[in-house]
Amino acid sequence: MRKQFLANTKYVWYSPHKLRLLADVIRGKGAVDALNWLTVYGTRRSLPLKKTLVSALANARDLKSLEPVDLFVKEVRIDQGPVKKYFKPGAMGRAMPQRKKQCHIKIIVESRQKEV
């Protein structure tokens, strides 16, 4: 059985649709490769994913003394969070509805070798 380590981040102020594009890239990669890719990727949206991945790697290091080289990203989930609804003024005095979305991030890293 392989050992899994989990990290969650909740109430992130980015749309889940935009973060899922980044999650698709790092899913299945080695932990070091995914961390390097998120570090050099040129948007602010990658910061919450990077912080959550670093947290999952720290959990692996603290609980089982595993190094990031021995781990890979097994699962990345970006779920819908609460939506803040508000109104902005529009043309001819109308109220235009606006929606600000949040998301929840869940990353699971797993060891490459099986534990006996």
PDB file of N, CA and C in Angstrom:
ATOM      1  N   MET A   1       0.837  -1.188   0.000  1.00  0.00           N
ATOM      2  CA  MET A   1       0.000   0.000   0.000  1.00  0.00           C
ATOM      3  C   MET A   1       0.874   1.241   0.000  1.00  0.00           C
ATOM      4  N   ARG A   2       0.511   2.203  -0.795  1.00  0.00           N
ATOM      5  CA  ARG A   2       1.272   3.446  -0.865  1.00  0.00           C
ATOM      6  C   ARG A   2       0.708   4.444   0.128  1.00  0.00           C
ATOM      7  N   LYS A   3       1.566   5.293   0.646  1.00  0.00           N
ATOM      8  CA  LYS A   3       1.154   6.284   1.635  1.00  0.00           C
ATOM      9  C   LYS A   3       0.723   7.560   0.940  1.00  0.00           C
ATOM     10  N   GLN A   4      -0.425   8.130   1.358  1.00  0.00           N
ATOM     11  CA  GLN A   4      -0.952   9.356   0.779  1.00  0.00           C
ATOM     12  C   GLN A   4      -0.946  10.476   1.812  1.00  0.00           C
ATOM     13  N   PHE A   5      -0.744  11.692   1.320  1.00  0.00           N
ATOM     14  CA  PHE A   5      -0.734  12.874   2.176  1.00  0.00           C
ATOM     15  C   PHE A   5      -1.607  13.945   1.530  1.00  0.00           C
ATOM     16  N   LEU A   6      -2.342  14.678   2.353  1.00  0.00           N
ATOM     17  CA  LEU A   6      -3.400  15.552   1.895  1.00  0.00           C
ATOM     18  C   LEU A   6      -3.177  16.969   2.400  1.00  0.00           C
ATOM     19  N   ALA A   7      -3.586  17.945   1.579  1.00  0.00           N
ATOM     20  CA  ALA A   7      -3.605  19.353   1.993  1.00  0.00           C
ATOM     21  C   ALA A   7      -4.833  20.017   1.384  1.00  0.00           C
ATOM     22  N   ASN A   8      -5.501  20.843   2.179  1.00  0.00           N
ATOM     23  CA  ASN A   8      -6.697  21.568   1.742  1.00  0.00           C
ATOM     24  C   ASN A   8      -6.478  23.058   1.877  1.00  0.00           C
ATOM     25  N   THR A   9      -7.036  23.808   0.971  1.00  0.00           N
ATOM     26  CA  THR A   9      -7.121  25.268   1.079  1.00  0.00           C
ATOM     27  C   THR A   9      -8.550  25.637   0.717  1.00  0.00           C
ATOM     28  N   LYS A  10      -9.189  26.412   1.581  1.00  0.00           N
ATOM     29  CA  LYS A  10     -10.589  26.755   1.347  1.00  0.00           C
ATOM     30  C   LYS A  10     -10.748  28.256   1.151  1.00  0.00           C
ATOM     31  N   TYR A  11     -11.825  28.630   0.471  1.00  0.00           N
ATOM     32  CA  TYR A  11     -12.234  30.014   0.268  1.00  0.00           C
ATOM     33  C   TYR A  11     -11.176  30.841  -0.460  1.00  0.00           C
ATOM     34  N   VAL A  12     -10.683  30.322  -1.571  1.00  0.00           N
ATOM     35  CA  VAL A  12      -9.718  31.022  -2.408  1.00  0.00           C
ATOM     36  C   VAL A  12     -10.494  31.876  -3.405  1.00  0.00           C
ATOM     37  N   TRP A  13     -10.128  33.155  -3.528  1.00  0.00           N
ATOM     38  CA  TRP A  13     -10.885  34.093  -4.360  1.00  0.00           C
ATOM     39  C   TRP A  13     -10.498  34.015  -5.832  1.00  0.00           C
ATOM     40  N   TYR A  14     -10.519  32.831  -6.407  1.00  0.00           N
ATOM     41  CA  TYR A  14     -10.354  32.653  -7.843  1.00  0.00           C
ATOM     42  C   TYR A  14     -11.465  31.737  -8.324  1.00  0.00           C
ATOM     43  N   SER A  15     -11.877  31.930  -9.552  1.00  0.00           N
ATOM     44  CA  SER A  15     -12.906  31.087 -10.125  1.00  0.00           C
ATOM     45  C   SER A  15     -12.369  29.658 -10.285  1.00  0.00           C
ATOM     46  N   PRO A  16     -13.181  28.655  -9.950  1.00  0.00           N
ATOM     47  CA  PRO A  16     -12.696  27.283 -10.101  1.00  0.00           C
ATOM     48  C   PRO A  16     -12.396  26.912 -11.548  1.00  0.00           C
ATOM     49  N   HIS A  17     -13.094  27.523 -12.509  1.00  0.00           N
ATOM     50  CA  HIS A  17     -12.841  27.223 -13.921  1.00  0.00           C
ATOM     51  C   HIS A  17     -11.426  27.639 -14.319  1.00  0.00           C
ATOM     52  N   LYS A  18     -10.959  28.746 -13.777  1.00  0.00           N
ATOM     53  CA  LYS A  18      -9.622  29.224 -14.131  1.00  0.00           C
ATOM     54  C   LYS A  18      -8.523  28.399 -13.452  1.00  0.00           C
ATOM     55  N   LEU A  19      -8.778  27.940 -12.219  1.00  0.00           N
ATOM     56  CA  LEU A  19      -7.765  27.148 -11.528  1.00  0.00           C
ATOM     57  C   LEU A  19      -7.702  25.710 -12.033  1.00  0.00           C
ATOM     58  N   ARG A  20      -8.794  25.206 -12.569  1.00  0.00           N
ATOM     59  CA  ARG A  20      -8.785  23.829 -13.077  1.00  0.00           C
ATOM     60  C   ARG A  20      -7.846  23.669 -14.266  1.00  0.00           C
ATOM     61  N   LEU A  21      -7.629  24.727 -15.025  1.00  0.00           N
ATOM     62  CA  LEU A  21      -6.675  24.655 -16.133  1.00  0.00           C
ATOM     63  C   LEU A  21      -5.262  24.391 -15.626  1.00  0.00           C
ATOM     64  N   LEU A  22      -4.901  25.018 -14.503  1.00  0.00           N
ATOM     65  CA  LEU A  22      -3.578  24.795 -13.921  1.00  0.00           C
ATOM     66  C   LEU A  22      -3.505  23.432 -13.247  1.00  0.00           C
ATOM     67  N   ALA A  23      -4.607  23.010 -12.626  1.00  0.00           N
ATOM     68  CA  ALA A  23      -4.626  21.716 -11.940  1.00  0.00           C
ATOM     69  C   ALA A  23      -4.435  20.570 -12.929  1.00  0.00           C
ATOM     70  N   ASP A  24      -4.968  20.708 -14.126  1.00  0.00           N
ATOM     71  CA  ASP A  24      -4.819  19.659 -15.133  1.00  0.00           C
ATOM     72  C   ASP A  24      -3.363  19.465 -15.542  1.00  0.00           C
ATOM     73  N   VAL A  25      -2.588  20.532 -15.469  1.00  0.00           N
ATOM     74  CA  VAL A  25      -1.183  20.434 -15.875  1.00  0.00           C
ATOM     75  C   VAL A  25      -0.358  19.682 -14.832  1.00  0.00           C
ATOM     76  N   ILE A  26      -0.594  19.928 -13.540  1.00  0.00           N
ATOM     77  CA  ILE A  26       0.268  19.322 -12.510  1.00  0.00           C
ATOM     78  C   ILE A  26      -0.222  17.948 -12.070  1.00  0.00           C
ATOM     79  N   ARG A  27      -1.435  17.564 -12.420  1.00  0.00           N
ATOM     80  CA  ARG A  27      -1.962  16.258 -12.009  1.00  0.00           C
ATOM     81  C   ARG A  27      -1.152  15.139 -12.642  1.00  0.00           C
ATOM     82  N   GLY A  28      -0.651  14.218 -11.807  1.00  0.00           N
ATOM     83  CA  GLY A  28       0.121  13.076 -12.284  1.00  0.00           C
ATOM     84  C   GLY A  28       1.611  13.320 -12.397  1.00  0.00           C
ATOM     85  N   LYS A  29       2.065  14.556 -12.235  1.00  0.00           N
ATOM     86  CA  LYS A  29       3.499  14.852 -12.326  1.00  0.00           C
ATOM     87  C   LYS A  29       4.199  14.529 -11.011  1.00  0.00           C
ATOM     88  N   GLY A  30       5.513  14.470 -11.081  1.00  0.00           N
ATOM     89  CA  GLY A  30       6.299  14.367  -9.861  1.00  0.00           C
ATOM     90  C   GLY A  30       6.145  15.641  -9.046  1.00  0.00           C
ATOM     91  N   ALA A  31       6.285  15.527  -7.738  1.00  0.00           N
ATOM     92  CA  ALA A  31       6.051  16.674  -6.857  1.00  0.00           C
ATOM     93  C   ALA A  31       7.042  17.801  -7.127  1.00  0.00           C
ATOM     94  N   VAL A  32       8.289  17.465  -7.382  1.00  0.00           N
ATOM     95  CA  VAL A  32       9.295  18.493  -7.647  1.00  0.00           C
ATOM     96  C   VAL A  32       9.025  19.184  -8.975  1.00  0.00           C
ATOM     97  N   ASP A  33       8.657  18.409  -9.996  1.00  0.00           N
ATOM     98  CA  ASP A  33       8.343  18.996 -11.305  1.00  0.00           C
ATOM     99  C   ASP A  33       7.132  19.915 -11.222  1.00  0.00           C
ATOM    100  N   ALA A  34       6.105  19.486 -10.500  1.00  0.00           N
ATOM    101  CA  ALA A  34       4.905  20.309 -10.358  1.00  0.00           C
ATOM    102  C   ALA A  34       5.209  21.599  -9.603  1.00  0.00           C
ATOM    103  N   LEU A  35       6.022  21.501  -8.559  1.00  0.00           N
ATOM    104  CA  LEU A  35       6.381  22.689  -7.788  1.00  0.00           C
ATOM    105  C   LEU A  35       7.210  23.662  -8.621  1.00  0.00           C
ATOM    106  N   ASN A  36       8.142  23.140  -9.398  1.00  0.00           N
ATOM    107  CA  ASN A  36       8.950  24.004 -10.270  1.00  0.00           C
ATOM    108  C   ASN A  36       8.086  24.667 -11.337  1.00  0.00           C
ATOM    109  N   TRP A  37       7.146  23.918 -11.905  1.00  0.00           N
ATOM    110  CA  TRP A  37       6.281  24.488 -12.937  1.00  0.00           C
ATOM    111  C   TRP A  37       5.413  25.604 -12.363  1.00  0.00           C
ATOM    112  N   LEU A  38       4.845  25.398 -11.185  1.00  0.00           N
ATOM    113  CA  LEU A  38       4.015  26.433 -10.565  1.00  0.00           C
ATOM    114  C   LEU A  38       4.837  27.660 -10.179  1.00  0.00           C
ATOM    115  N   THR A  39       6.105  27.458  -9.832  1.00  0.00           N
ATOM    116  CA  THR A  39       6.966  28.576  -9.453  1.00  0.00           C
ATOM    117  C   THR A  39       7.248  29.484 -10.640  1.00  0.00           C
ATOM    118  N   VAL A  40       7.518  28.906 -11.807  1.00  0.00           N
ATOM    119  CA  VAL A  40       7.891  29.726 -12.955  1.00  0.00           C
ATOM    120  C   VAL A  40       6.706  30.138 -13.816  1.00  0.00           C
ATOM    121  N   TYR A  41       5.517  29.579 -13.559  1.00  0.00           N
ATOM    122  CA  TYR A  41       4.350  29.959 -14.347  1.00  0.00           C
ATOM    123  C   TYR A  41       3.994  31.399 -14.022  1.00  0.00           C
ATOM    124  N   GLY A  42       3.628  32.187 -15.033  1.00  0.00           N
ATOM    125  CA  GLY A  42       3.582  33.633 -14.887  1.00  0.00           C
ATOM    126  C   GLY A  42       2.284  34.266 -14.440  1.00  0.00           C
ATOM    127  N   THR A  43       1.426  33.570 -13.669  1.00  0.00           N
ATOM    128  CA  THR A  43       0.203  34.213 -13.198  1.00  0.00           C
ATOM    129  C   THR A  43       0.104  34.117 -11.686  1.00  0.00           C
ATOM    130  N   ARG A  44      -0.677  35.039 -11.114  1.00  0.00           N
ATOM    131  CA  ARG A  44      -0.908  35.003  -9.668  1.00  0.00           C
ATOM    132  C   ARG A  44      -1.816  33.846  -9.271  1.00  0.00           C
ATOM    133  N   ARG A  45      -2.572  33.322 -10.225  1.00  0.00           N
ATOM    134  CA  ARG A  45      -3.481  32.220  -9.914  1.00  0.00           C
ATOM    135  C   ARG A  45      -2.740  30.975  -9.462  1.00  0.00           C
ATOM    136  N   SER A  46      -1.484  30.831  -9.835  1.00  0.00           N
ATOM    137  CA  SER A  46      -0.746  29.632  -9.465  1.00  0.00           C
ATOM    138  C   SER A  46      -0.295  29.648  -8.004  1.00  0.00           C
ATOM    139  N   LEU A  47      -0.352  30.786  -7.337  1.00  0.00           N
ATOM    140  CA  LEU A  47       0.136  30.896  -5.957  1.00  0.00           C
ATOM    141  C   LEU A  47      -0.653  30.035  -4.968  1.00  0.00           C
ATOM    142  N   PRO A  48      -2.005  30.023  -4.967  1.00  0.00           N
ATOM    143  CA  PRO A  48      -2.703  29.147  -4.021  1.00  0.00           C
ATOM    144  C   PRO A  48      -2.439  27.665  -4.269  1.00  0.00           C
ATOM    145  N   LEU A  49      -2.304  27.261  -5.530  1.00  0.00           N
ATOM    146  CA  LEU A  49      -1.974  25.869  -5.832  1.00  0.00           C
ATOM    147  C   LEU A  49      -0.583  25.517  -5.325  1.00  0.00           C
ATOM    148  N   LYS A  50       0.349  26.439  -5.499  1.00  0.00           N
ATOM    149  CA  LYS A  50       1.718  26.208  -5.043  1.00  0.00           C
ATOM    150  C   LYS A  50       1.765  26.086  -3.522  1.00  0.00           C
ATOM    151  N   LYS A  51       1.055  26.965  -2.819  1.00  0.00           N
ATOM    152  CA  LYS A  51       1.048  26.915  -1.356  1.00  0.00           C
ATOM    153  C   LYS A  51       0.419  25.620  -0.842  1.00  0.00           C
ATOM    154  N   THR A  52      -0.632  25.168  -1.502  1.00  0.00           N
ATOM    155  CA  THR A  52      -1.282  23.929  -1.086  1.00  0.00           C
ATOM    156  C   THR A  52      -0.376  22.735  -1.350  1.00  0.00           C
ATOM    157  N   LEU A  53       0.328  22.735  -2.460  1.00  0.00           N
ATOM    158  CA  LEU A  53       1.262  21.650  -2.766  1.00  0.00           C
ATOM    159  C   LEU A  53       2.414  21.633  -1.767  1.00  0.00           C
ATOM    160  N   VAL A  54       2.938  22.800  -1.416  1.00  0.00           N
ATOM    161  CA  VAL A  54       4.010  22.875  -0.425  1.00  0.00           C
ATOM    162  C   VAL A  54       3.524  22.337   0.922  1.00  0.00           C
ATOM    163  N   SER A  55       2.270  22.623   1.271  1.00  0.00           N
ATOM    164  CA  SER A  55       1.705  22.117   2.515  1.00  0.00           C
ATOM    165  C   SER A  55       1.590  20.591   2.503  1.00  0.00           C
ATOM    166  N   ALA A  56       1.178  20.022   1.379  1.00  0.00           N
ATOM    167  CA  ALA A  56       1.081  18.567   1.271  1.00  0.00           C
ATOM    168  C   ALA A  56       2.466  17.916   1.371  1.00  0.00           C
ATOM    169  N   LEU A  57       3.469  18.547   0.770  1.00  0.00           N
ATOM    170  CA  LEU A  57       4.833  18.012   0.861  1.00  0.00           C
ATOM    171  C   LEU A  57       5.371  18.119   2.283  1.00  0.00           C
ATOM    172  N   ALA A  58       5.020  19.188   2.981  1.00  0.00           N
ATOM    173  CA  ALA A  58       5.438  19.337   4.377  1.00  0.00           C
ATOM    174  C   ALA A  58       4.766  18.286   5.260  1.00  0.00           C
ATOM    175  N   ASN A  59       3.509  17.958   4.963  1.00  0.00           N
ATOM    176  CA  ASN A  59       2.835  16.890   5.702  1.00  0.00           C
ATOM    177  C   ASN A  59       3.549  15.559   5.507  1.00  0.00           C
ATOM    178  N   ALA A  60       3.983  15.280   4.286  1.00  0.00           N
ATOM    179  CA  ALA A  60       4.703  14.032   4.003  1.00  0.00           C
ATOM    180  C   ALA A  60       6.044  14.009   4.733  1.00  0.00           C
ATOM    181  N   ARG A  61       6.724  15.139   4.766  1.00  0.00           N
ATOM    182  CA  ARG A  61       8.019  15.209   5.433  1.00  0.00           C
ATOM    183  C   ARG A  61       7.867  15.038   6.941  1.00  0.00           C
ATOM    184  N   ASP A  62       6.846  15.649   7.524  1.00  0.00           N
ATOM    185  CA  ASP A  62       6.665  15.589   8.972  1.00  0.00           C
ATOM    186  C   ASP A  62       6.152  14.232   9.444  1.00  0.00           C
ATOM    187  N   LEU A  63       5.224  13.640   8.694  1.00  0.00           N
ATOM    188  CA  LEU A  63       4.587  12.419   9.169  1.00  0.00           C
ATOM    189  C   LEU A  63       5.389  11.155   8.859  1.00  0.00           C
ATOM    190  N   LYS A  64       6.029  11.096   7.720  1.00  0.00           N
ATOM    191  CA  LYS A  64       6.741   9.879   7.315  1.00  0.00           C
ATOM    192  C   LYS A  64       8.179  10.109   6.873  1.00  0.00           C
ATOM    193  N   SER A  65       8.703  11.295   7.020  1.00  0.00           N
ATOM    194  CA  SER A  65      10.078  11.629   6.625  1.00  0.00           C
ATOM    195  C   SER A  65      10.345  11.313   5.154  1.00  0.00           C
ATOM    196  N   LEU A  66       9.384  11.595   4.295  1.00  0.00           N
ATOM    197  CA  LEU A  66       9.562  11.395   2.857  1.00  0.00           C
ATOM    198  C   LEU A  66       9.992  12.700   2.211  1.00  0.00           C
ATOM    199  N   GLU A  67      10.909  12.604   1.287  1.00  0.00           N
ATOM    200  CA  GLU A  67      11.372  13.780   0.553  1.00  0.00           C
ATOM    201  C   GLU A  67      10.495  14.002  -0.680  1.00  0.00           C
ATOM    202  N   PRO A  68      10.425  15.241  -1.188  1.00  0.00           N
ATOM    203  CA  PRO A  68       9.592  15.523  -2.370  1.00  0.00           C
ATOM    204  C   PRO A  68       9.976  14.731  -3.613  1.00  0.00           C
ATOM    205  N   VAL A  69      11.222  14.284  -3.701  1.00  0.00           N
ATOM    206  CA  VAL A  69      11.666  13.512  -4.870  1.00  0.00           C
ATOM    207  C   VAL A  69      10.920  12.180  -4.935  1.00  0.00           C
ATOM    208  N   ASP A  70      10.532  11.631  -3.774  1.00  0.00           N
ATOM    209  CA  ASP A  70       9.874  10.324  -3.713  1.00  0.00           C
ATOM    210  C   ASP A  70       8.361  10.407  -3.897  1.00  0.00           C
ATOM    211  N   LEU A  71       7.811  11.595  -4.164  1.00  0.00           N
ATOM    212  CA  LEU A  71       6.361  11.781  -4.210  1.00  0.00           C
ATOM    213  C   LEU A  71       5.893  12.228  -5.590  1.00  0.00           C
ATOM    214  N   PHE A  72       4.630  11.953  -5.888  1.00  0.00           N
ATOM    215  CA  PHE A  72       4.004  12.495  -7.098  1.00  0.00           C
ATOM    216  C   PHE A  72       2.604  12.979  -6.743  1.00  0.00           C
ATOM    217  N   VAL A  73       2.068  13.853  -7.578  1.00  0.00           N
ATOM    218  CA  VAL A  73       0.756  14.440  -7.352  1.00  0.00           C
ATOM    219  C   VAL A  73      -0.296  13.448  -7.870  1.00  0.00           C
ATOM    220  N   LYS A  74      -1.003  12.819  -6.950  1.00  0.00           N
ATOM    221  CA  LYS A  74      -1.989  11.821  -7.351  1.00  0.00           C
ATOM    222  C   LYS A  74      -3.306  12.474  -7.746  1.00  0.00           C
ATOM    223  N   GLU A  75      -3.768  13.439  -6.945  1.00  0.00           N
ATOM    224  CA  GLU A  75      -5.086  14.022  -7.198  1.00  0.00           C
ATOM    225  C   GLU A  75      -5.058  15.511  -6.890  1.00  0.00           C
ATOM    226  N   VAL A  76      -5.689  16.287  -7.764  1.00  0.00           N
ATOM    227  CA  VAL A  76      -5.898  17.720  -7.540  1.00  0.00           C
ATOM    228  C   VAL A  76      -7.369  17.996  -7.806  1.00  0.00           C
ATOM    229  N   ARG A  77      -8.070  18.466  -6.784  1.00  0.00           N
ATOM    230  CA  ARG A  77      -9.492  18.787  -6.936  1.00  0.00           C
ATOM    231  C   ARG A  77      -9.703  20.267  -6.697  1.00  0.00           C
ATOM    232  N   ILE A  78     -10.422  20.893  -7.601  1.00  0.00           N
ATOM    233  CA  ILE A  78     -10.827  22.290  -7.460  1.00  0.00           C
ATOM    234  C   ILE A  78     -12.349  22.296  -7.421  1.00  0.00           C
ATOM    235  N   ASP A  79     -12.909  22.550  -6.243  1.00  0.00           N
ATOM    236  CA  ASP A  79     -14.356  22.525  -6.072  1.00  0.00           C
ATOM    237  C   ASP A  79     -14.903  23.937  -5.949  1.00  0.00           C
ATOM    238  N   GLN A  80     -16.173  24.087  -6.291  1.00  0.00           N
ATOM    239  CA  GLN A  80     -16.853  25.383  -6.193  1.00  0.00           C
ATOM    240  C   GLN A  80     -17.069  25.744  -4.732  1.00  0.00           C
ATOM    241  N   GLY A  81     -16.784  26.990  -4.384  1.00  0.00           N
ATOM    242  CA  GLY A  81     -17.051  27.508  -3.055  1.00  0.00           C
ATOM    243  C   GLY A  81     -18.230  28.459  -3.092  1.00  0.00           C
ATOM    244  N   PRO A  82     -18.399  29.258  -2.046  1.00  0.00           N
ATOM    245  CA  PRO A  82     -19.501  30.217  -2.038  1.00  0.00           C
ATOM    246  C   PRO A  82     -19.326  31.296  -3.102  1.00  0.00           C
ATOM    247  N   VAL A  83     -20.453  31.851  -3.538  1.00  0.00           N
ATOM    248  CA  VAL A  83     -20.442  32.907  -4.553  1.00  0.00           C
ATOM    249  C   VAL A  83     -20.990  34.175  -3.916  1.00  0.00           C
ATOM    250  N   LYS A  84     -20.223  35.253  -4.013  1.00  0.00           N
ATOM    251  CA  LYS A  84     -20.679  36.547  -3.506  1.00  0.00           C
ATOM    252  C   LYS A  84     -21.406  37.256  -4.643  1.00  0.00           C
ATOM    253  N   LYS A  85     -22.656  37.604  -4.405  1.00  0.00           N
ATOM    254  CA  LYS A  85     -23.453  38.272  -5.429  1.00  0.00           C
ATOM    255  C   LYS A  85     -23.659  39.730  -5.020  1.00  0.00           C
ATOM    256  N   TYR A  86     -23.448  40.626  -5.987  1.00  0.00           N
ATOM    257  CA  TYR A  86     -23.647  42.048  -5.738  1.00  0.00           C
ATOM    258  C   TYR A  86     -24.035  42.714  -7.051  1.00  0.00           C
ATOM    259  N   PHE A  87     -24.376  43.998  -6.992  1.00  0.00           N
ATOM    260  CA  PHE A  87     -24.840  44.715  -8.173  1.00  0.00           C
ATOM    261  C   PHE A  87     -23.966  45.925  -8.428  1.00  0.00           C
ATOM    262  N   LYS A  88     -23.733  46.205  -9.716  1.00  0.00           N
ATOM    263  CA  LYS A  88     -23.039  47.411 -10.143  1.00  0.00           C
ATOM    264  C   LYS A  88     -23.985  48.189 -11.050  1.00  0.00           C
ATOM    265  N   PRO A  89     -23.826  49.495 -11.094  1.00  0.00           N
ATOM    266  CA  PRO A  89     -24.710  50.264 -11.971  1.00  0.00           C
ATOM    267  C   PRO A  89     -24.413  49.979 -13.446  1.00  0.00           C
ATOM    268  N   GLY A  90     -25.486  49.919 -14.231  1.00  0.00           N
ATOM    269  CA  GLY A  90     -25.368  49.684 -15.657  1.00  0.00           C
ATOM    270  C   GLY A  90     -25.953  50.843 -16.440  1.00  0.00           C
ATOM    271  N   ALA A  91     -26.169  50.631 -17.704  1.00  0.00           N
ATOM    272  CA  ALA A  91     -26.684  51.670 -18.585  1.00  0.00           C
ATOM    273  C   ALA A  91     -28.132  52.017 -18.229  1.00  0.00           C
ATOM    274  N   MET A  92     -28.469  53.267 -18.376  1.00  0.00           N
ATOM    275  CA  MET A  92     -29.819  53.780 -18.173  1.00  0.00           C
ATOM    276  C   MET A  92     -30.366  53.459 -16.780  1.00  0.00           C
ATOM    277  N   GLY A  93     -29.496  53.485 -15.776  1.00  0.00           N
ATOM    278  CA  GLY A  93     -29.936  53.318 -14.399  1.00  0.00           C
ATOM    279  C   GLY A  93     -30.239  51.889 -13.984  1.00  0.00           C
ATOM    280  N   ARG A  94     -29.906  50.928 -14.808  1.00  0.00           N
ATOM    281  CA  ARG A  94     -30.182  49.535 -14.458  1.00  0.00           C
ATOM    282  C   ARG A  94     -29.138  49.010 -13.480  1.00  0.00           C
ATOM    283  N   ALA A  95     -29.500  47.967 -12.753  1.00  0.00           N
ATOM    284  CA  ALA A  95     -28.564  47.265 -11.872  1.00  0.00           C
ATOM    285  C   ALA A  95     -28.059  46.024 -12.606  1.00  0.00           C
ATOM    286  N   MET A  96     -26.754  45.907 -12.724  1.00  0.00           N
ATOM    287  CA  MET A  96     -26.152  44.765 -13.414  1.00  0.00           C
ATOM    288  C   MET A  96     -25.615  43.779 -12.365  1.00  0.00           C
ATOM    289  N   PRO A  97     -26.120  42.549 -12.330  1.00  0.00           N
ATOM    290  CA  PRO A  97     -25.659  41.583 -11.322  1.00  0.00           C
ATOM    291  C   PRO A  97     -24.219  41.139 -11.596  1.00  0.00           C
ATOM    292  N   GLN A  98     -23.445  41.026 -10.537  1.00  0.00           N
ATOM    293  CA  GLN A  98     -22.059  40.560 -10.598  1.00  0.00           C
ATOM    294  C   GLN A  98     -21.930  39.364  -9.660  1.00  0.00           C
ATOM    295  N   ARG A  99     -21.059  38.423 -10.024  1.00  0.00           N
ATOM    296  CA  ARG A  99     -20.828  37.250  -9.172  1.00  0.00           C
ATOM    297  C   ARG A  99     -19.336  37.062  -8.985  1.00  0.00           C
ATOM    298  N   LYS A 100     -18.906  37.043  -7.754  1.00  0.00           N
ATOM    299  CA  LYS A 100     -17.501  36.818  -7.415  1.00  0.00           C
ATOM    300  C   LYS A 100     -17.400  35.414  -6.841  1.00  0.00           C
ATOM    301  N   LYS A 101     -16.636  34.540  -7.500  1.00  0.00           N
ATOM    302  CA  LYS A 101     -16.615  33.127  -7.135  1.00  0.00           C
ATOM    303  C   LYS A 101     -15.414  32.784  -6.264  1.00  0.00           C
ATOM    304  N   GLN A 102     -15.612  31.781  -5.417  1.00  0.00           N
ATOM    305  CA  GLN A 102     -14.545  31.228  -4.589  1.00  0.00           C
ATOM    306  C   GLN A 102     -14.413  29.741  -4.912  1.00  0.00           C
ATOM    307  N   CYS A 103     -13.293  29.158  -4.502  1.00  0.00           N
ATOM    308  CA  CYS A 103     -13.109  27.729  -4.719  1.00  0.00           C
ATOM    309  C   CYS A 103     -12.351  27.112  -3.553  1.00  0.00           C
ATOM    310  N   HIS A 104     -12.408  25.791  -3.484  1.00  0.00           N
ATOM    311  CA  HIS A 104     -11.690  25.006  -2.495  1.00  0.00           C
ATOM    312  C   HIS A 104     -10.700  24.117  -3.250  1.00  0.00           C
ATOM    313  N   ILE A 105      -9.467  24.039  -2.735  1.00  0.00           N
ATOM    314  CA  ILE A 105      -8.410  23.259  -3.380  1.00  0.00           C
ATOM    315  C   ILE A 105      -8.061  22.071  -2.487  1.00  0.00           C
ATOM    316  N   LYS A 106      -7.948  20.890  -3.090  1.00  0.00           N
ATOM    317  CA  LYS A 106      -7.540  19.688  -2.369  1.00  0.00           C
ATOM    318  C   LYS A 106      -6.464  18.989  -3.194  1.00  0.00           C
ATOM    319  N   ILE A 107      -5.291  18.785  -2.598  1.00  0.00           N
ATOM    320  CA  ILE A 107      -4.188  18.118  -3.286  1.00  0.00           C
ATOM    321  C   ILE A 107      -3.767  16.894  -2.475  1.00  0.00           C
ATOM    322  N   ILE A 108      -3.652  15.760  -3.154  1.00  0.00           N
ATOM    323  CA  ILE A 108      -3.167  14.531  -2.533  1.00  0.00           C
ATOM    324  C   ILE A 108      -1.879  14.123  -3.238  1.00  0.00           C
ATOM    325  N   VAL A 109      -0.816  13.945  -2.454  1.00  0.00           N
ATOM    326  CA  VAL A 109       0.448  13.437  -2.988  1.00  0.00           C
ATOM    327  C   VAL A 109       0.630  12.016  -2.451  1.00  0.00           C
ATOM    328  N   GLU A 110       1.318  11.201  -3.246  1.00  0.00           N
ATOM    329  CA  GLU A 110       1.477   9.806  -2.894  1.00  0.00           C
ATOM    330  C   GLU A 110       2.919   9.386  -3.118  1.00  0.00           C
ATOM    331  N   SER A 111       3.391   8.441  -2.311  1.00  0.00           N
ATOM    332  CA  SER A 111       4.764   7.956  -2.478  1.00  0.00           C
ATOM    333  C   SER A 111       4.850   7.072  -3.708  1.00  0.00           C
ATOM    334  N   ARG A 112       6.021   7.062  -4.333  1.00  0.00           N
ATOM    335  CA  ARG A 112       6.205   6.275  -5.553  1.00  0.00           C
ATOM    336  C   ARG A 112       6.347   4.781  -5.261  1.00  0.00           C
ATOM    337  N   GLN A 113       7.044   4.433  -4.165  1.00  0.00           N
ATOM    338  CA  GLN A 113       7.245   3.035  -3.869  1.00  0.00           C
ATOM    339  C   GLN A 113       6.207   2.549  -2.862  1.00  0.00           C
ATOM    340  N   LYS A 114       5.887   1.258  -2.981  1.00  0.00           N
ATOM    341  CA  LYS A 114       4.900   0.662  -2.086  1.00  0.00           C
ATOM    342  C   LYS A 114       5.532   0.400  -0.735  1.00  0.00           C
ATOM    343  N   GLU A 115       4.709   0.591   0.323  1.00  0.00           N
ATOM    344  CA  GLU A 115       5.152   0.308   1.676  1.00  0.00           C
ATOM    345  C   GLU A 115       4.847  -1.149   2.008  1.00  0.00           C
ATOM    346  N   VAL A 116       5.753  -1.795   2.704  1.00  0.00           N
ATOM    347  CA  VAL A 116       5.537  -3.191   3.042  1.00  0.00           C
ATOM    348  C   VAL A 116       5.141  -3.338   4.485  1.00  0.00           C
TER     349      VAL A 116
END
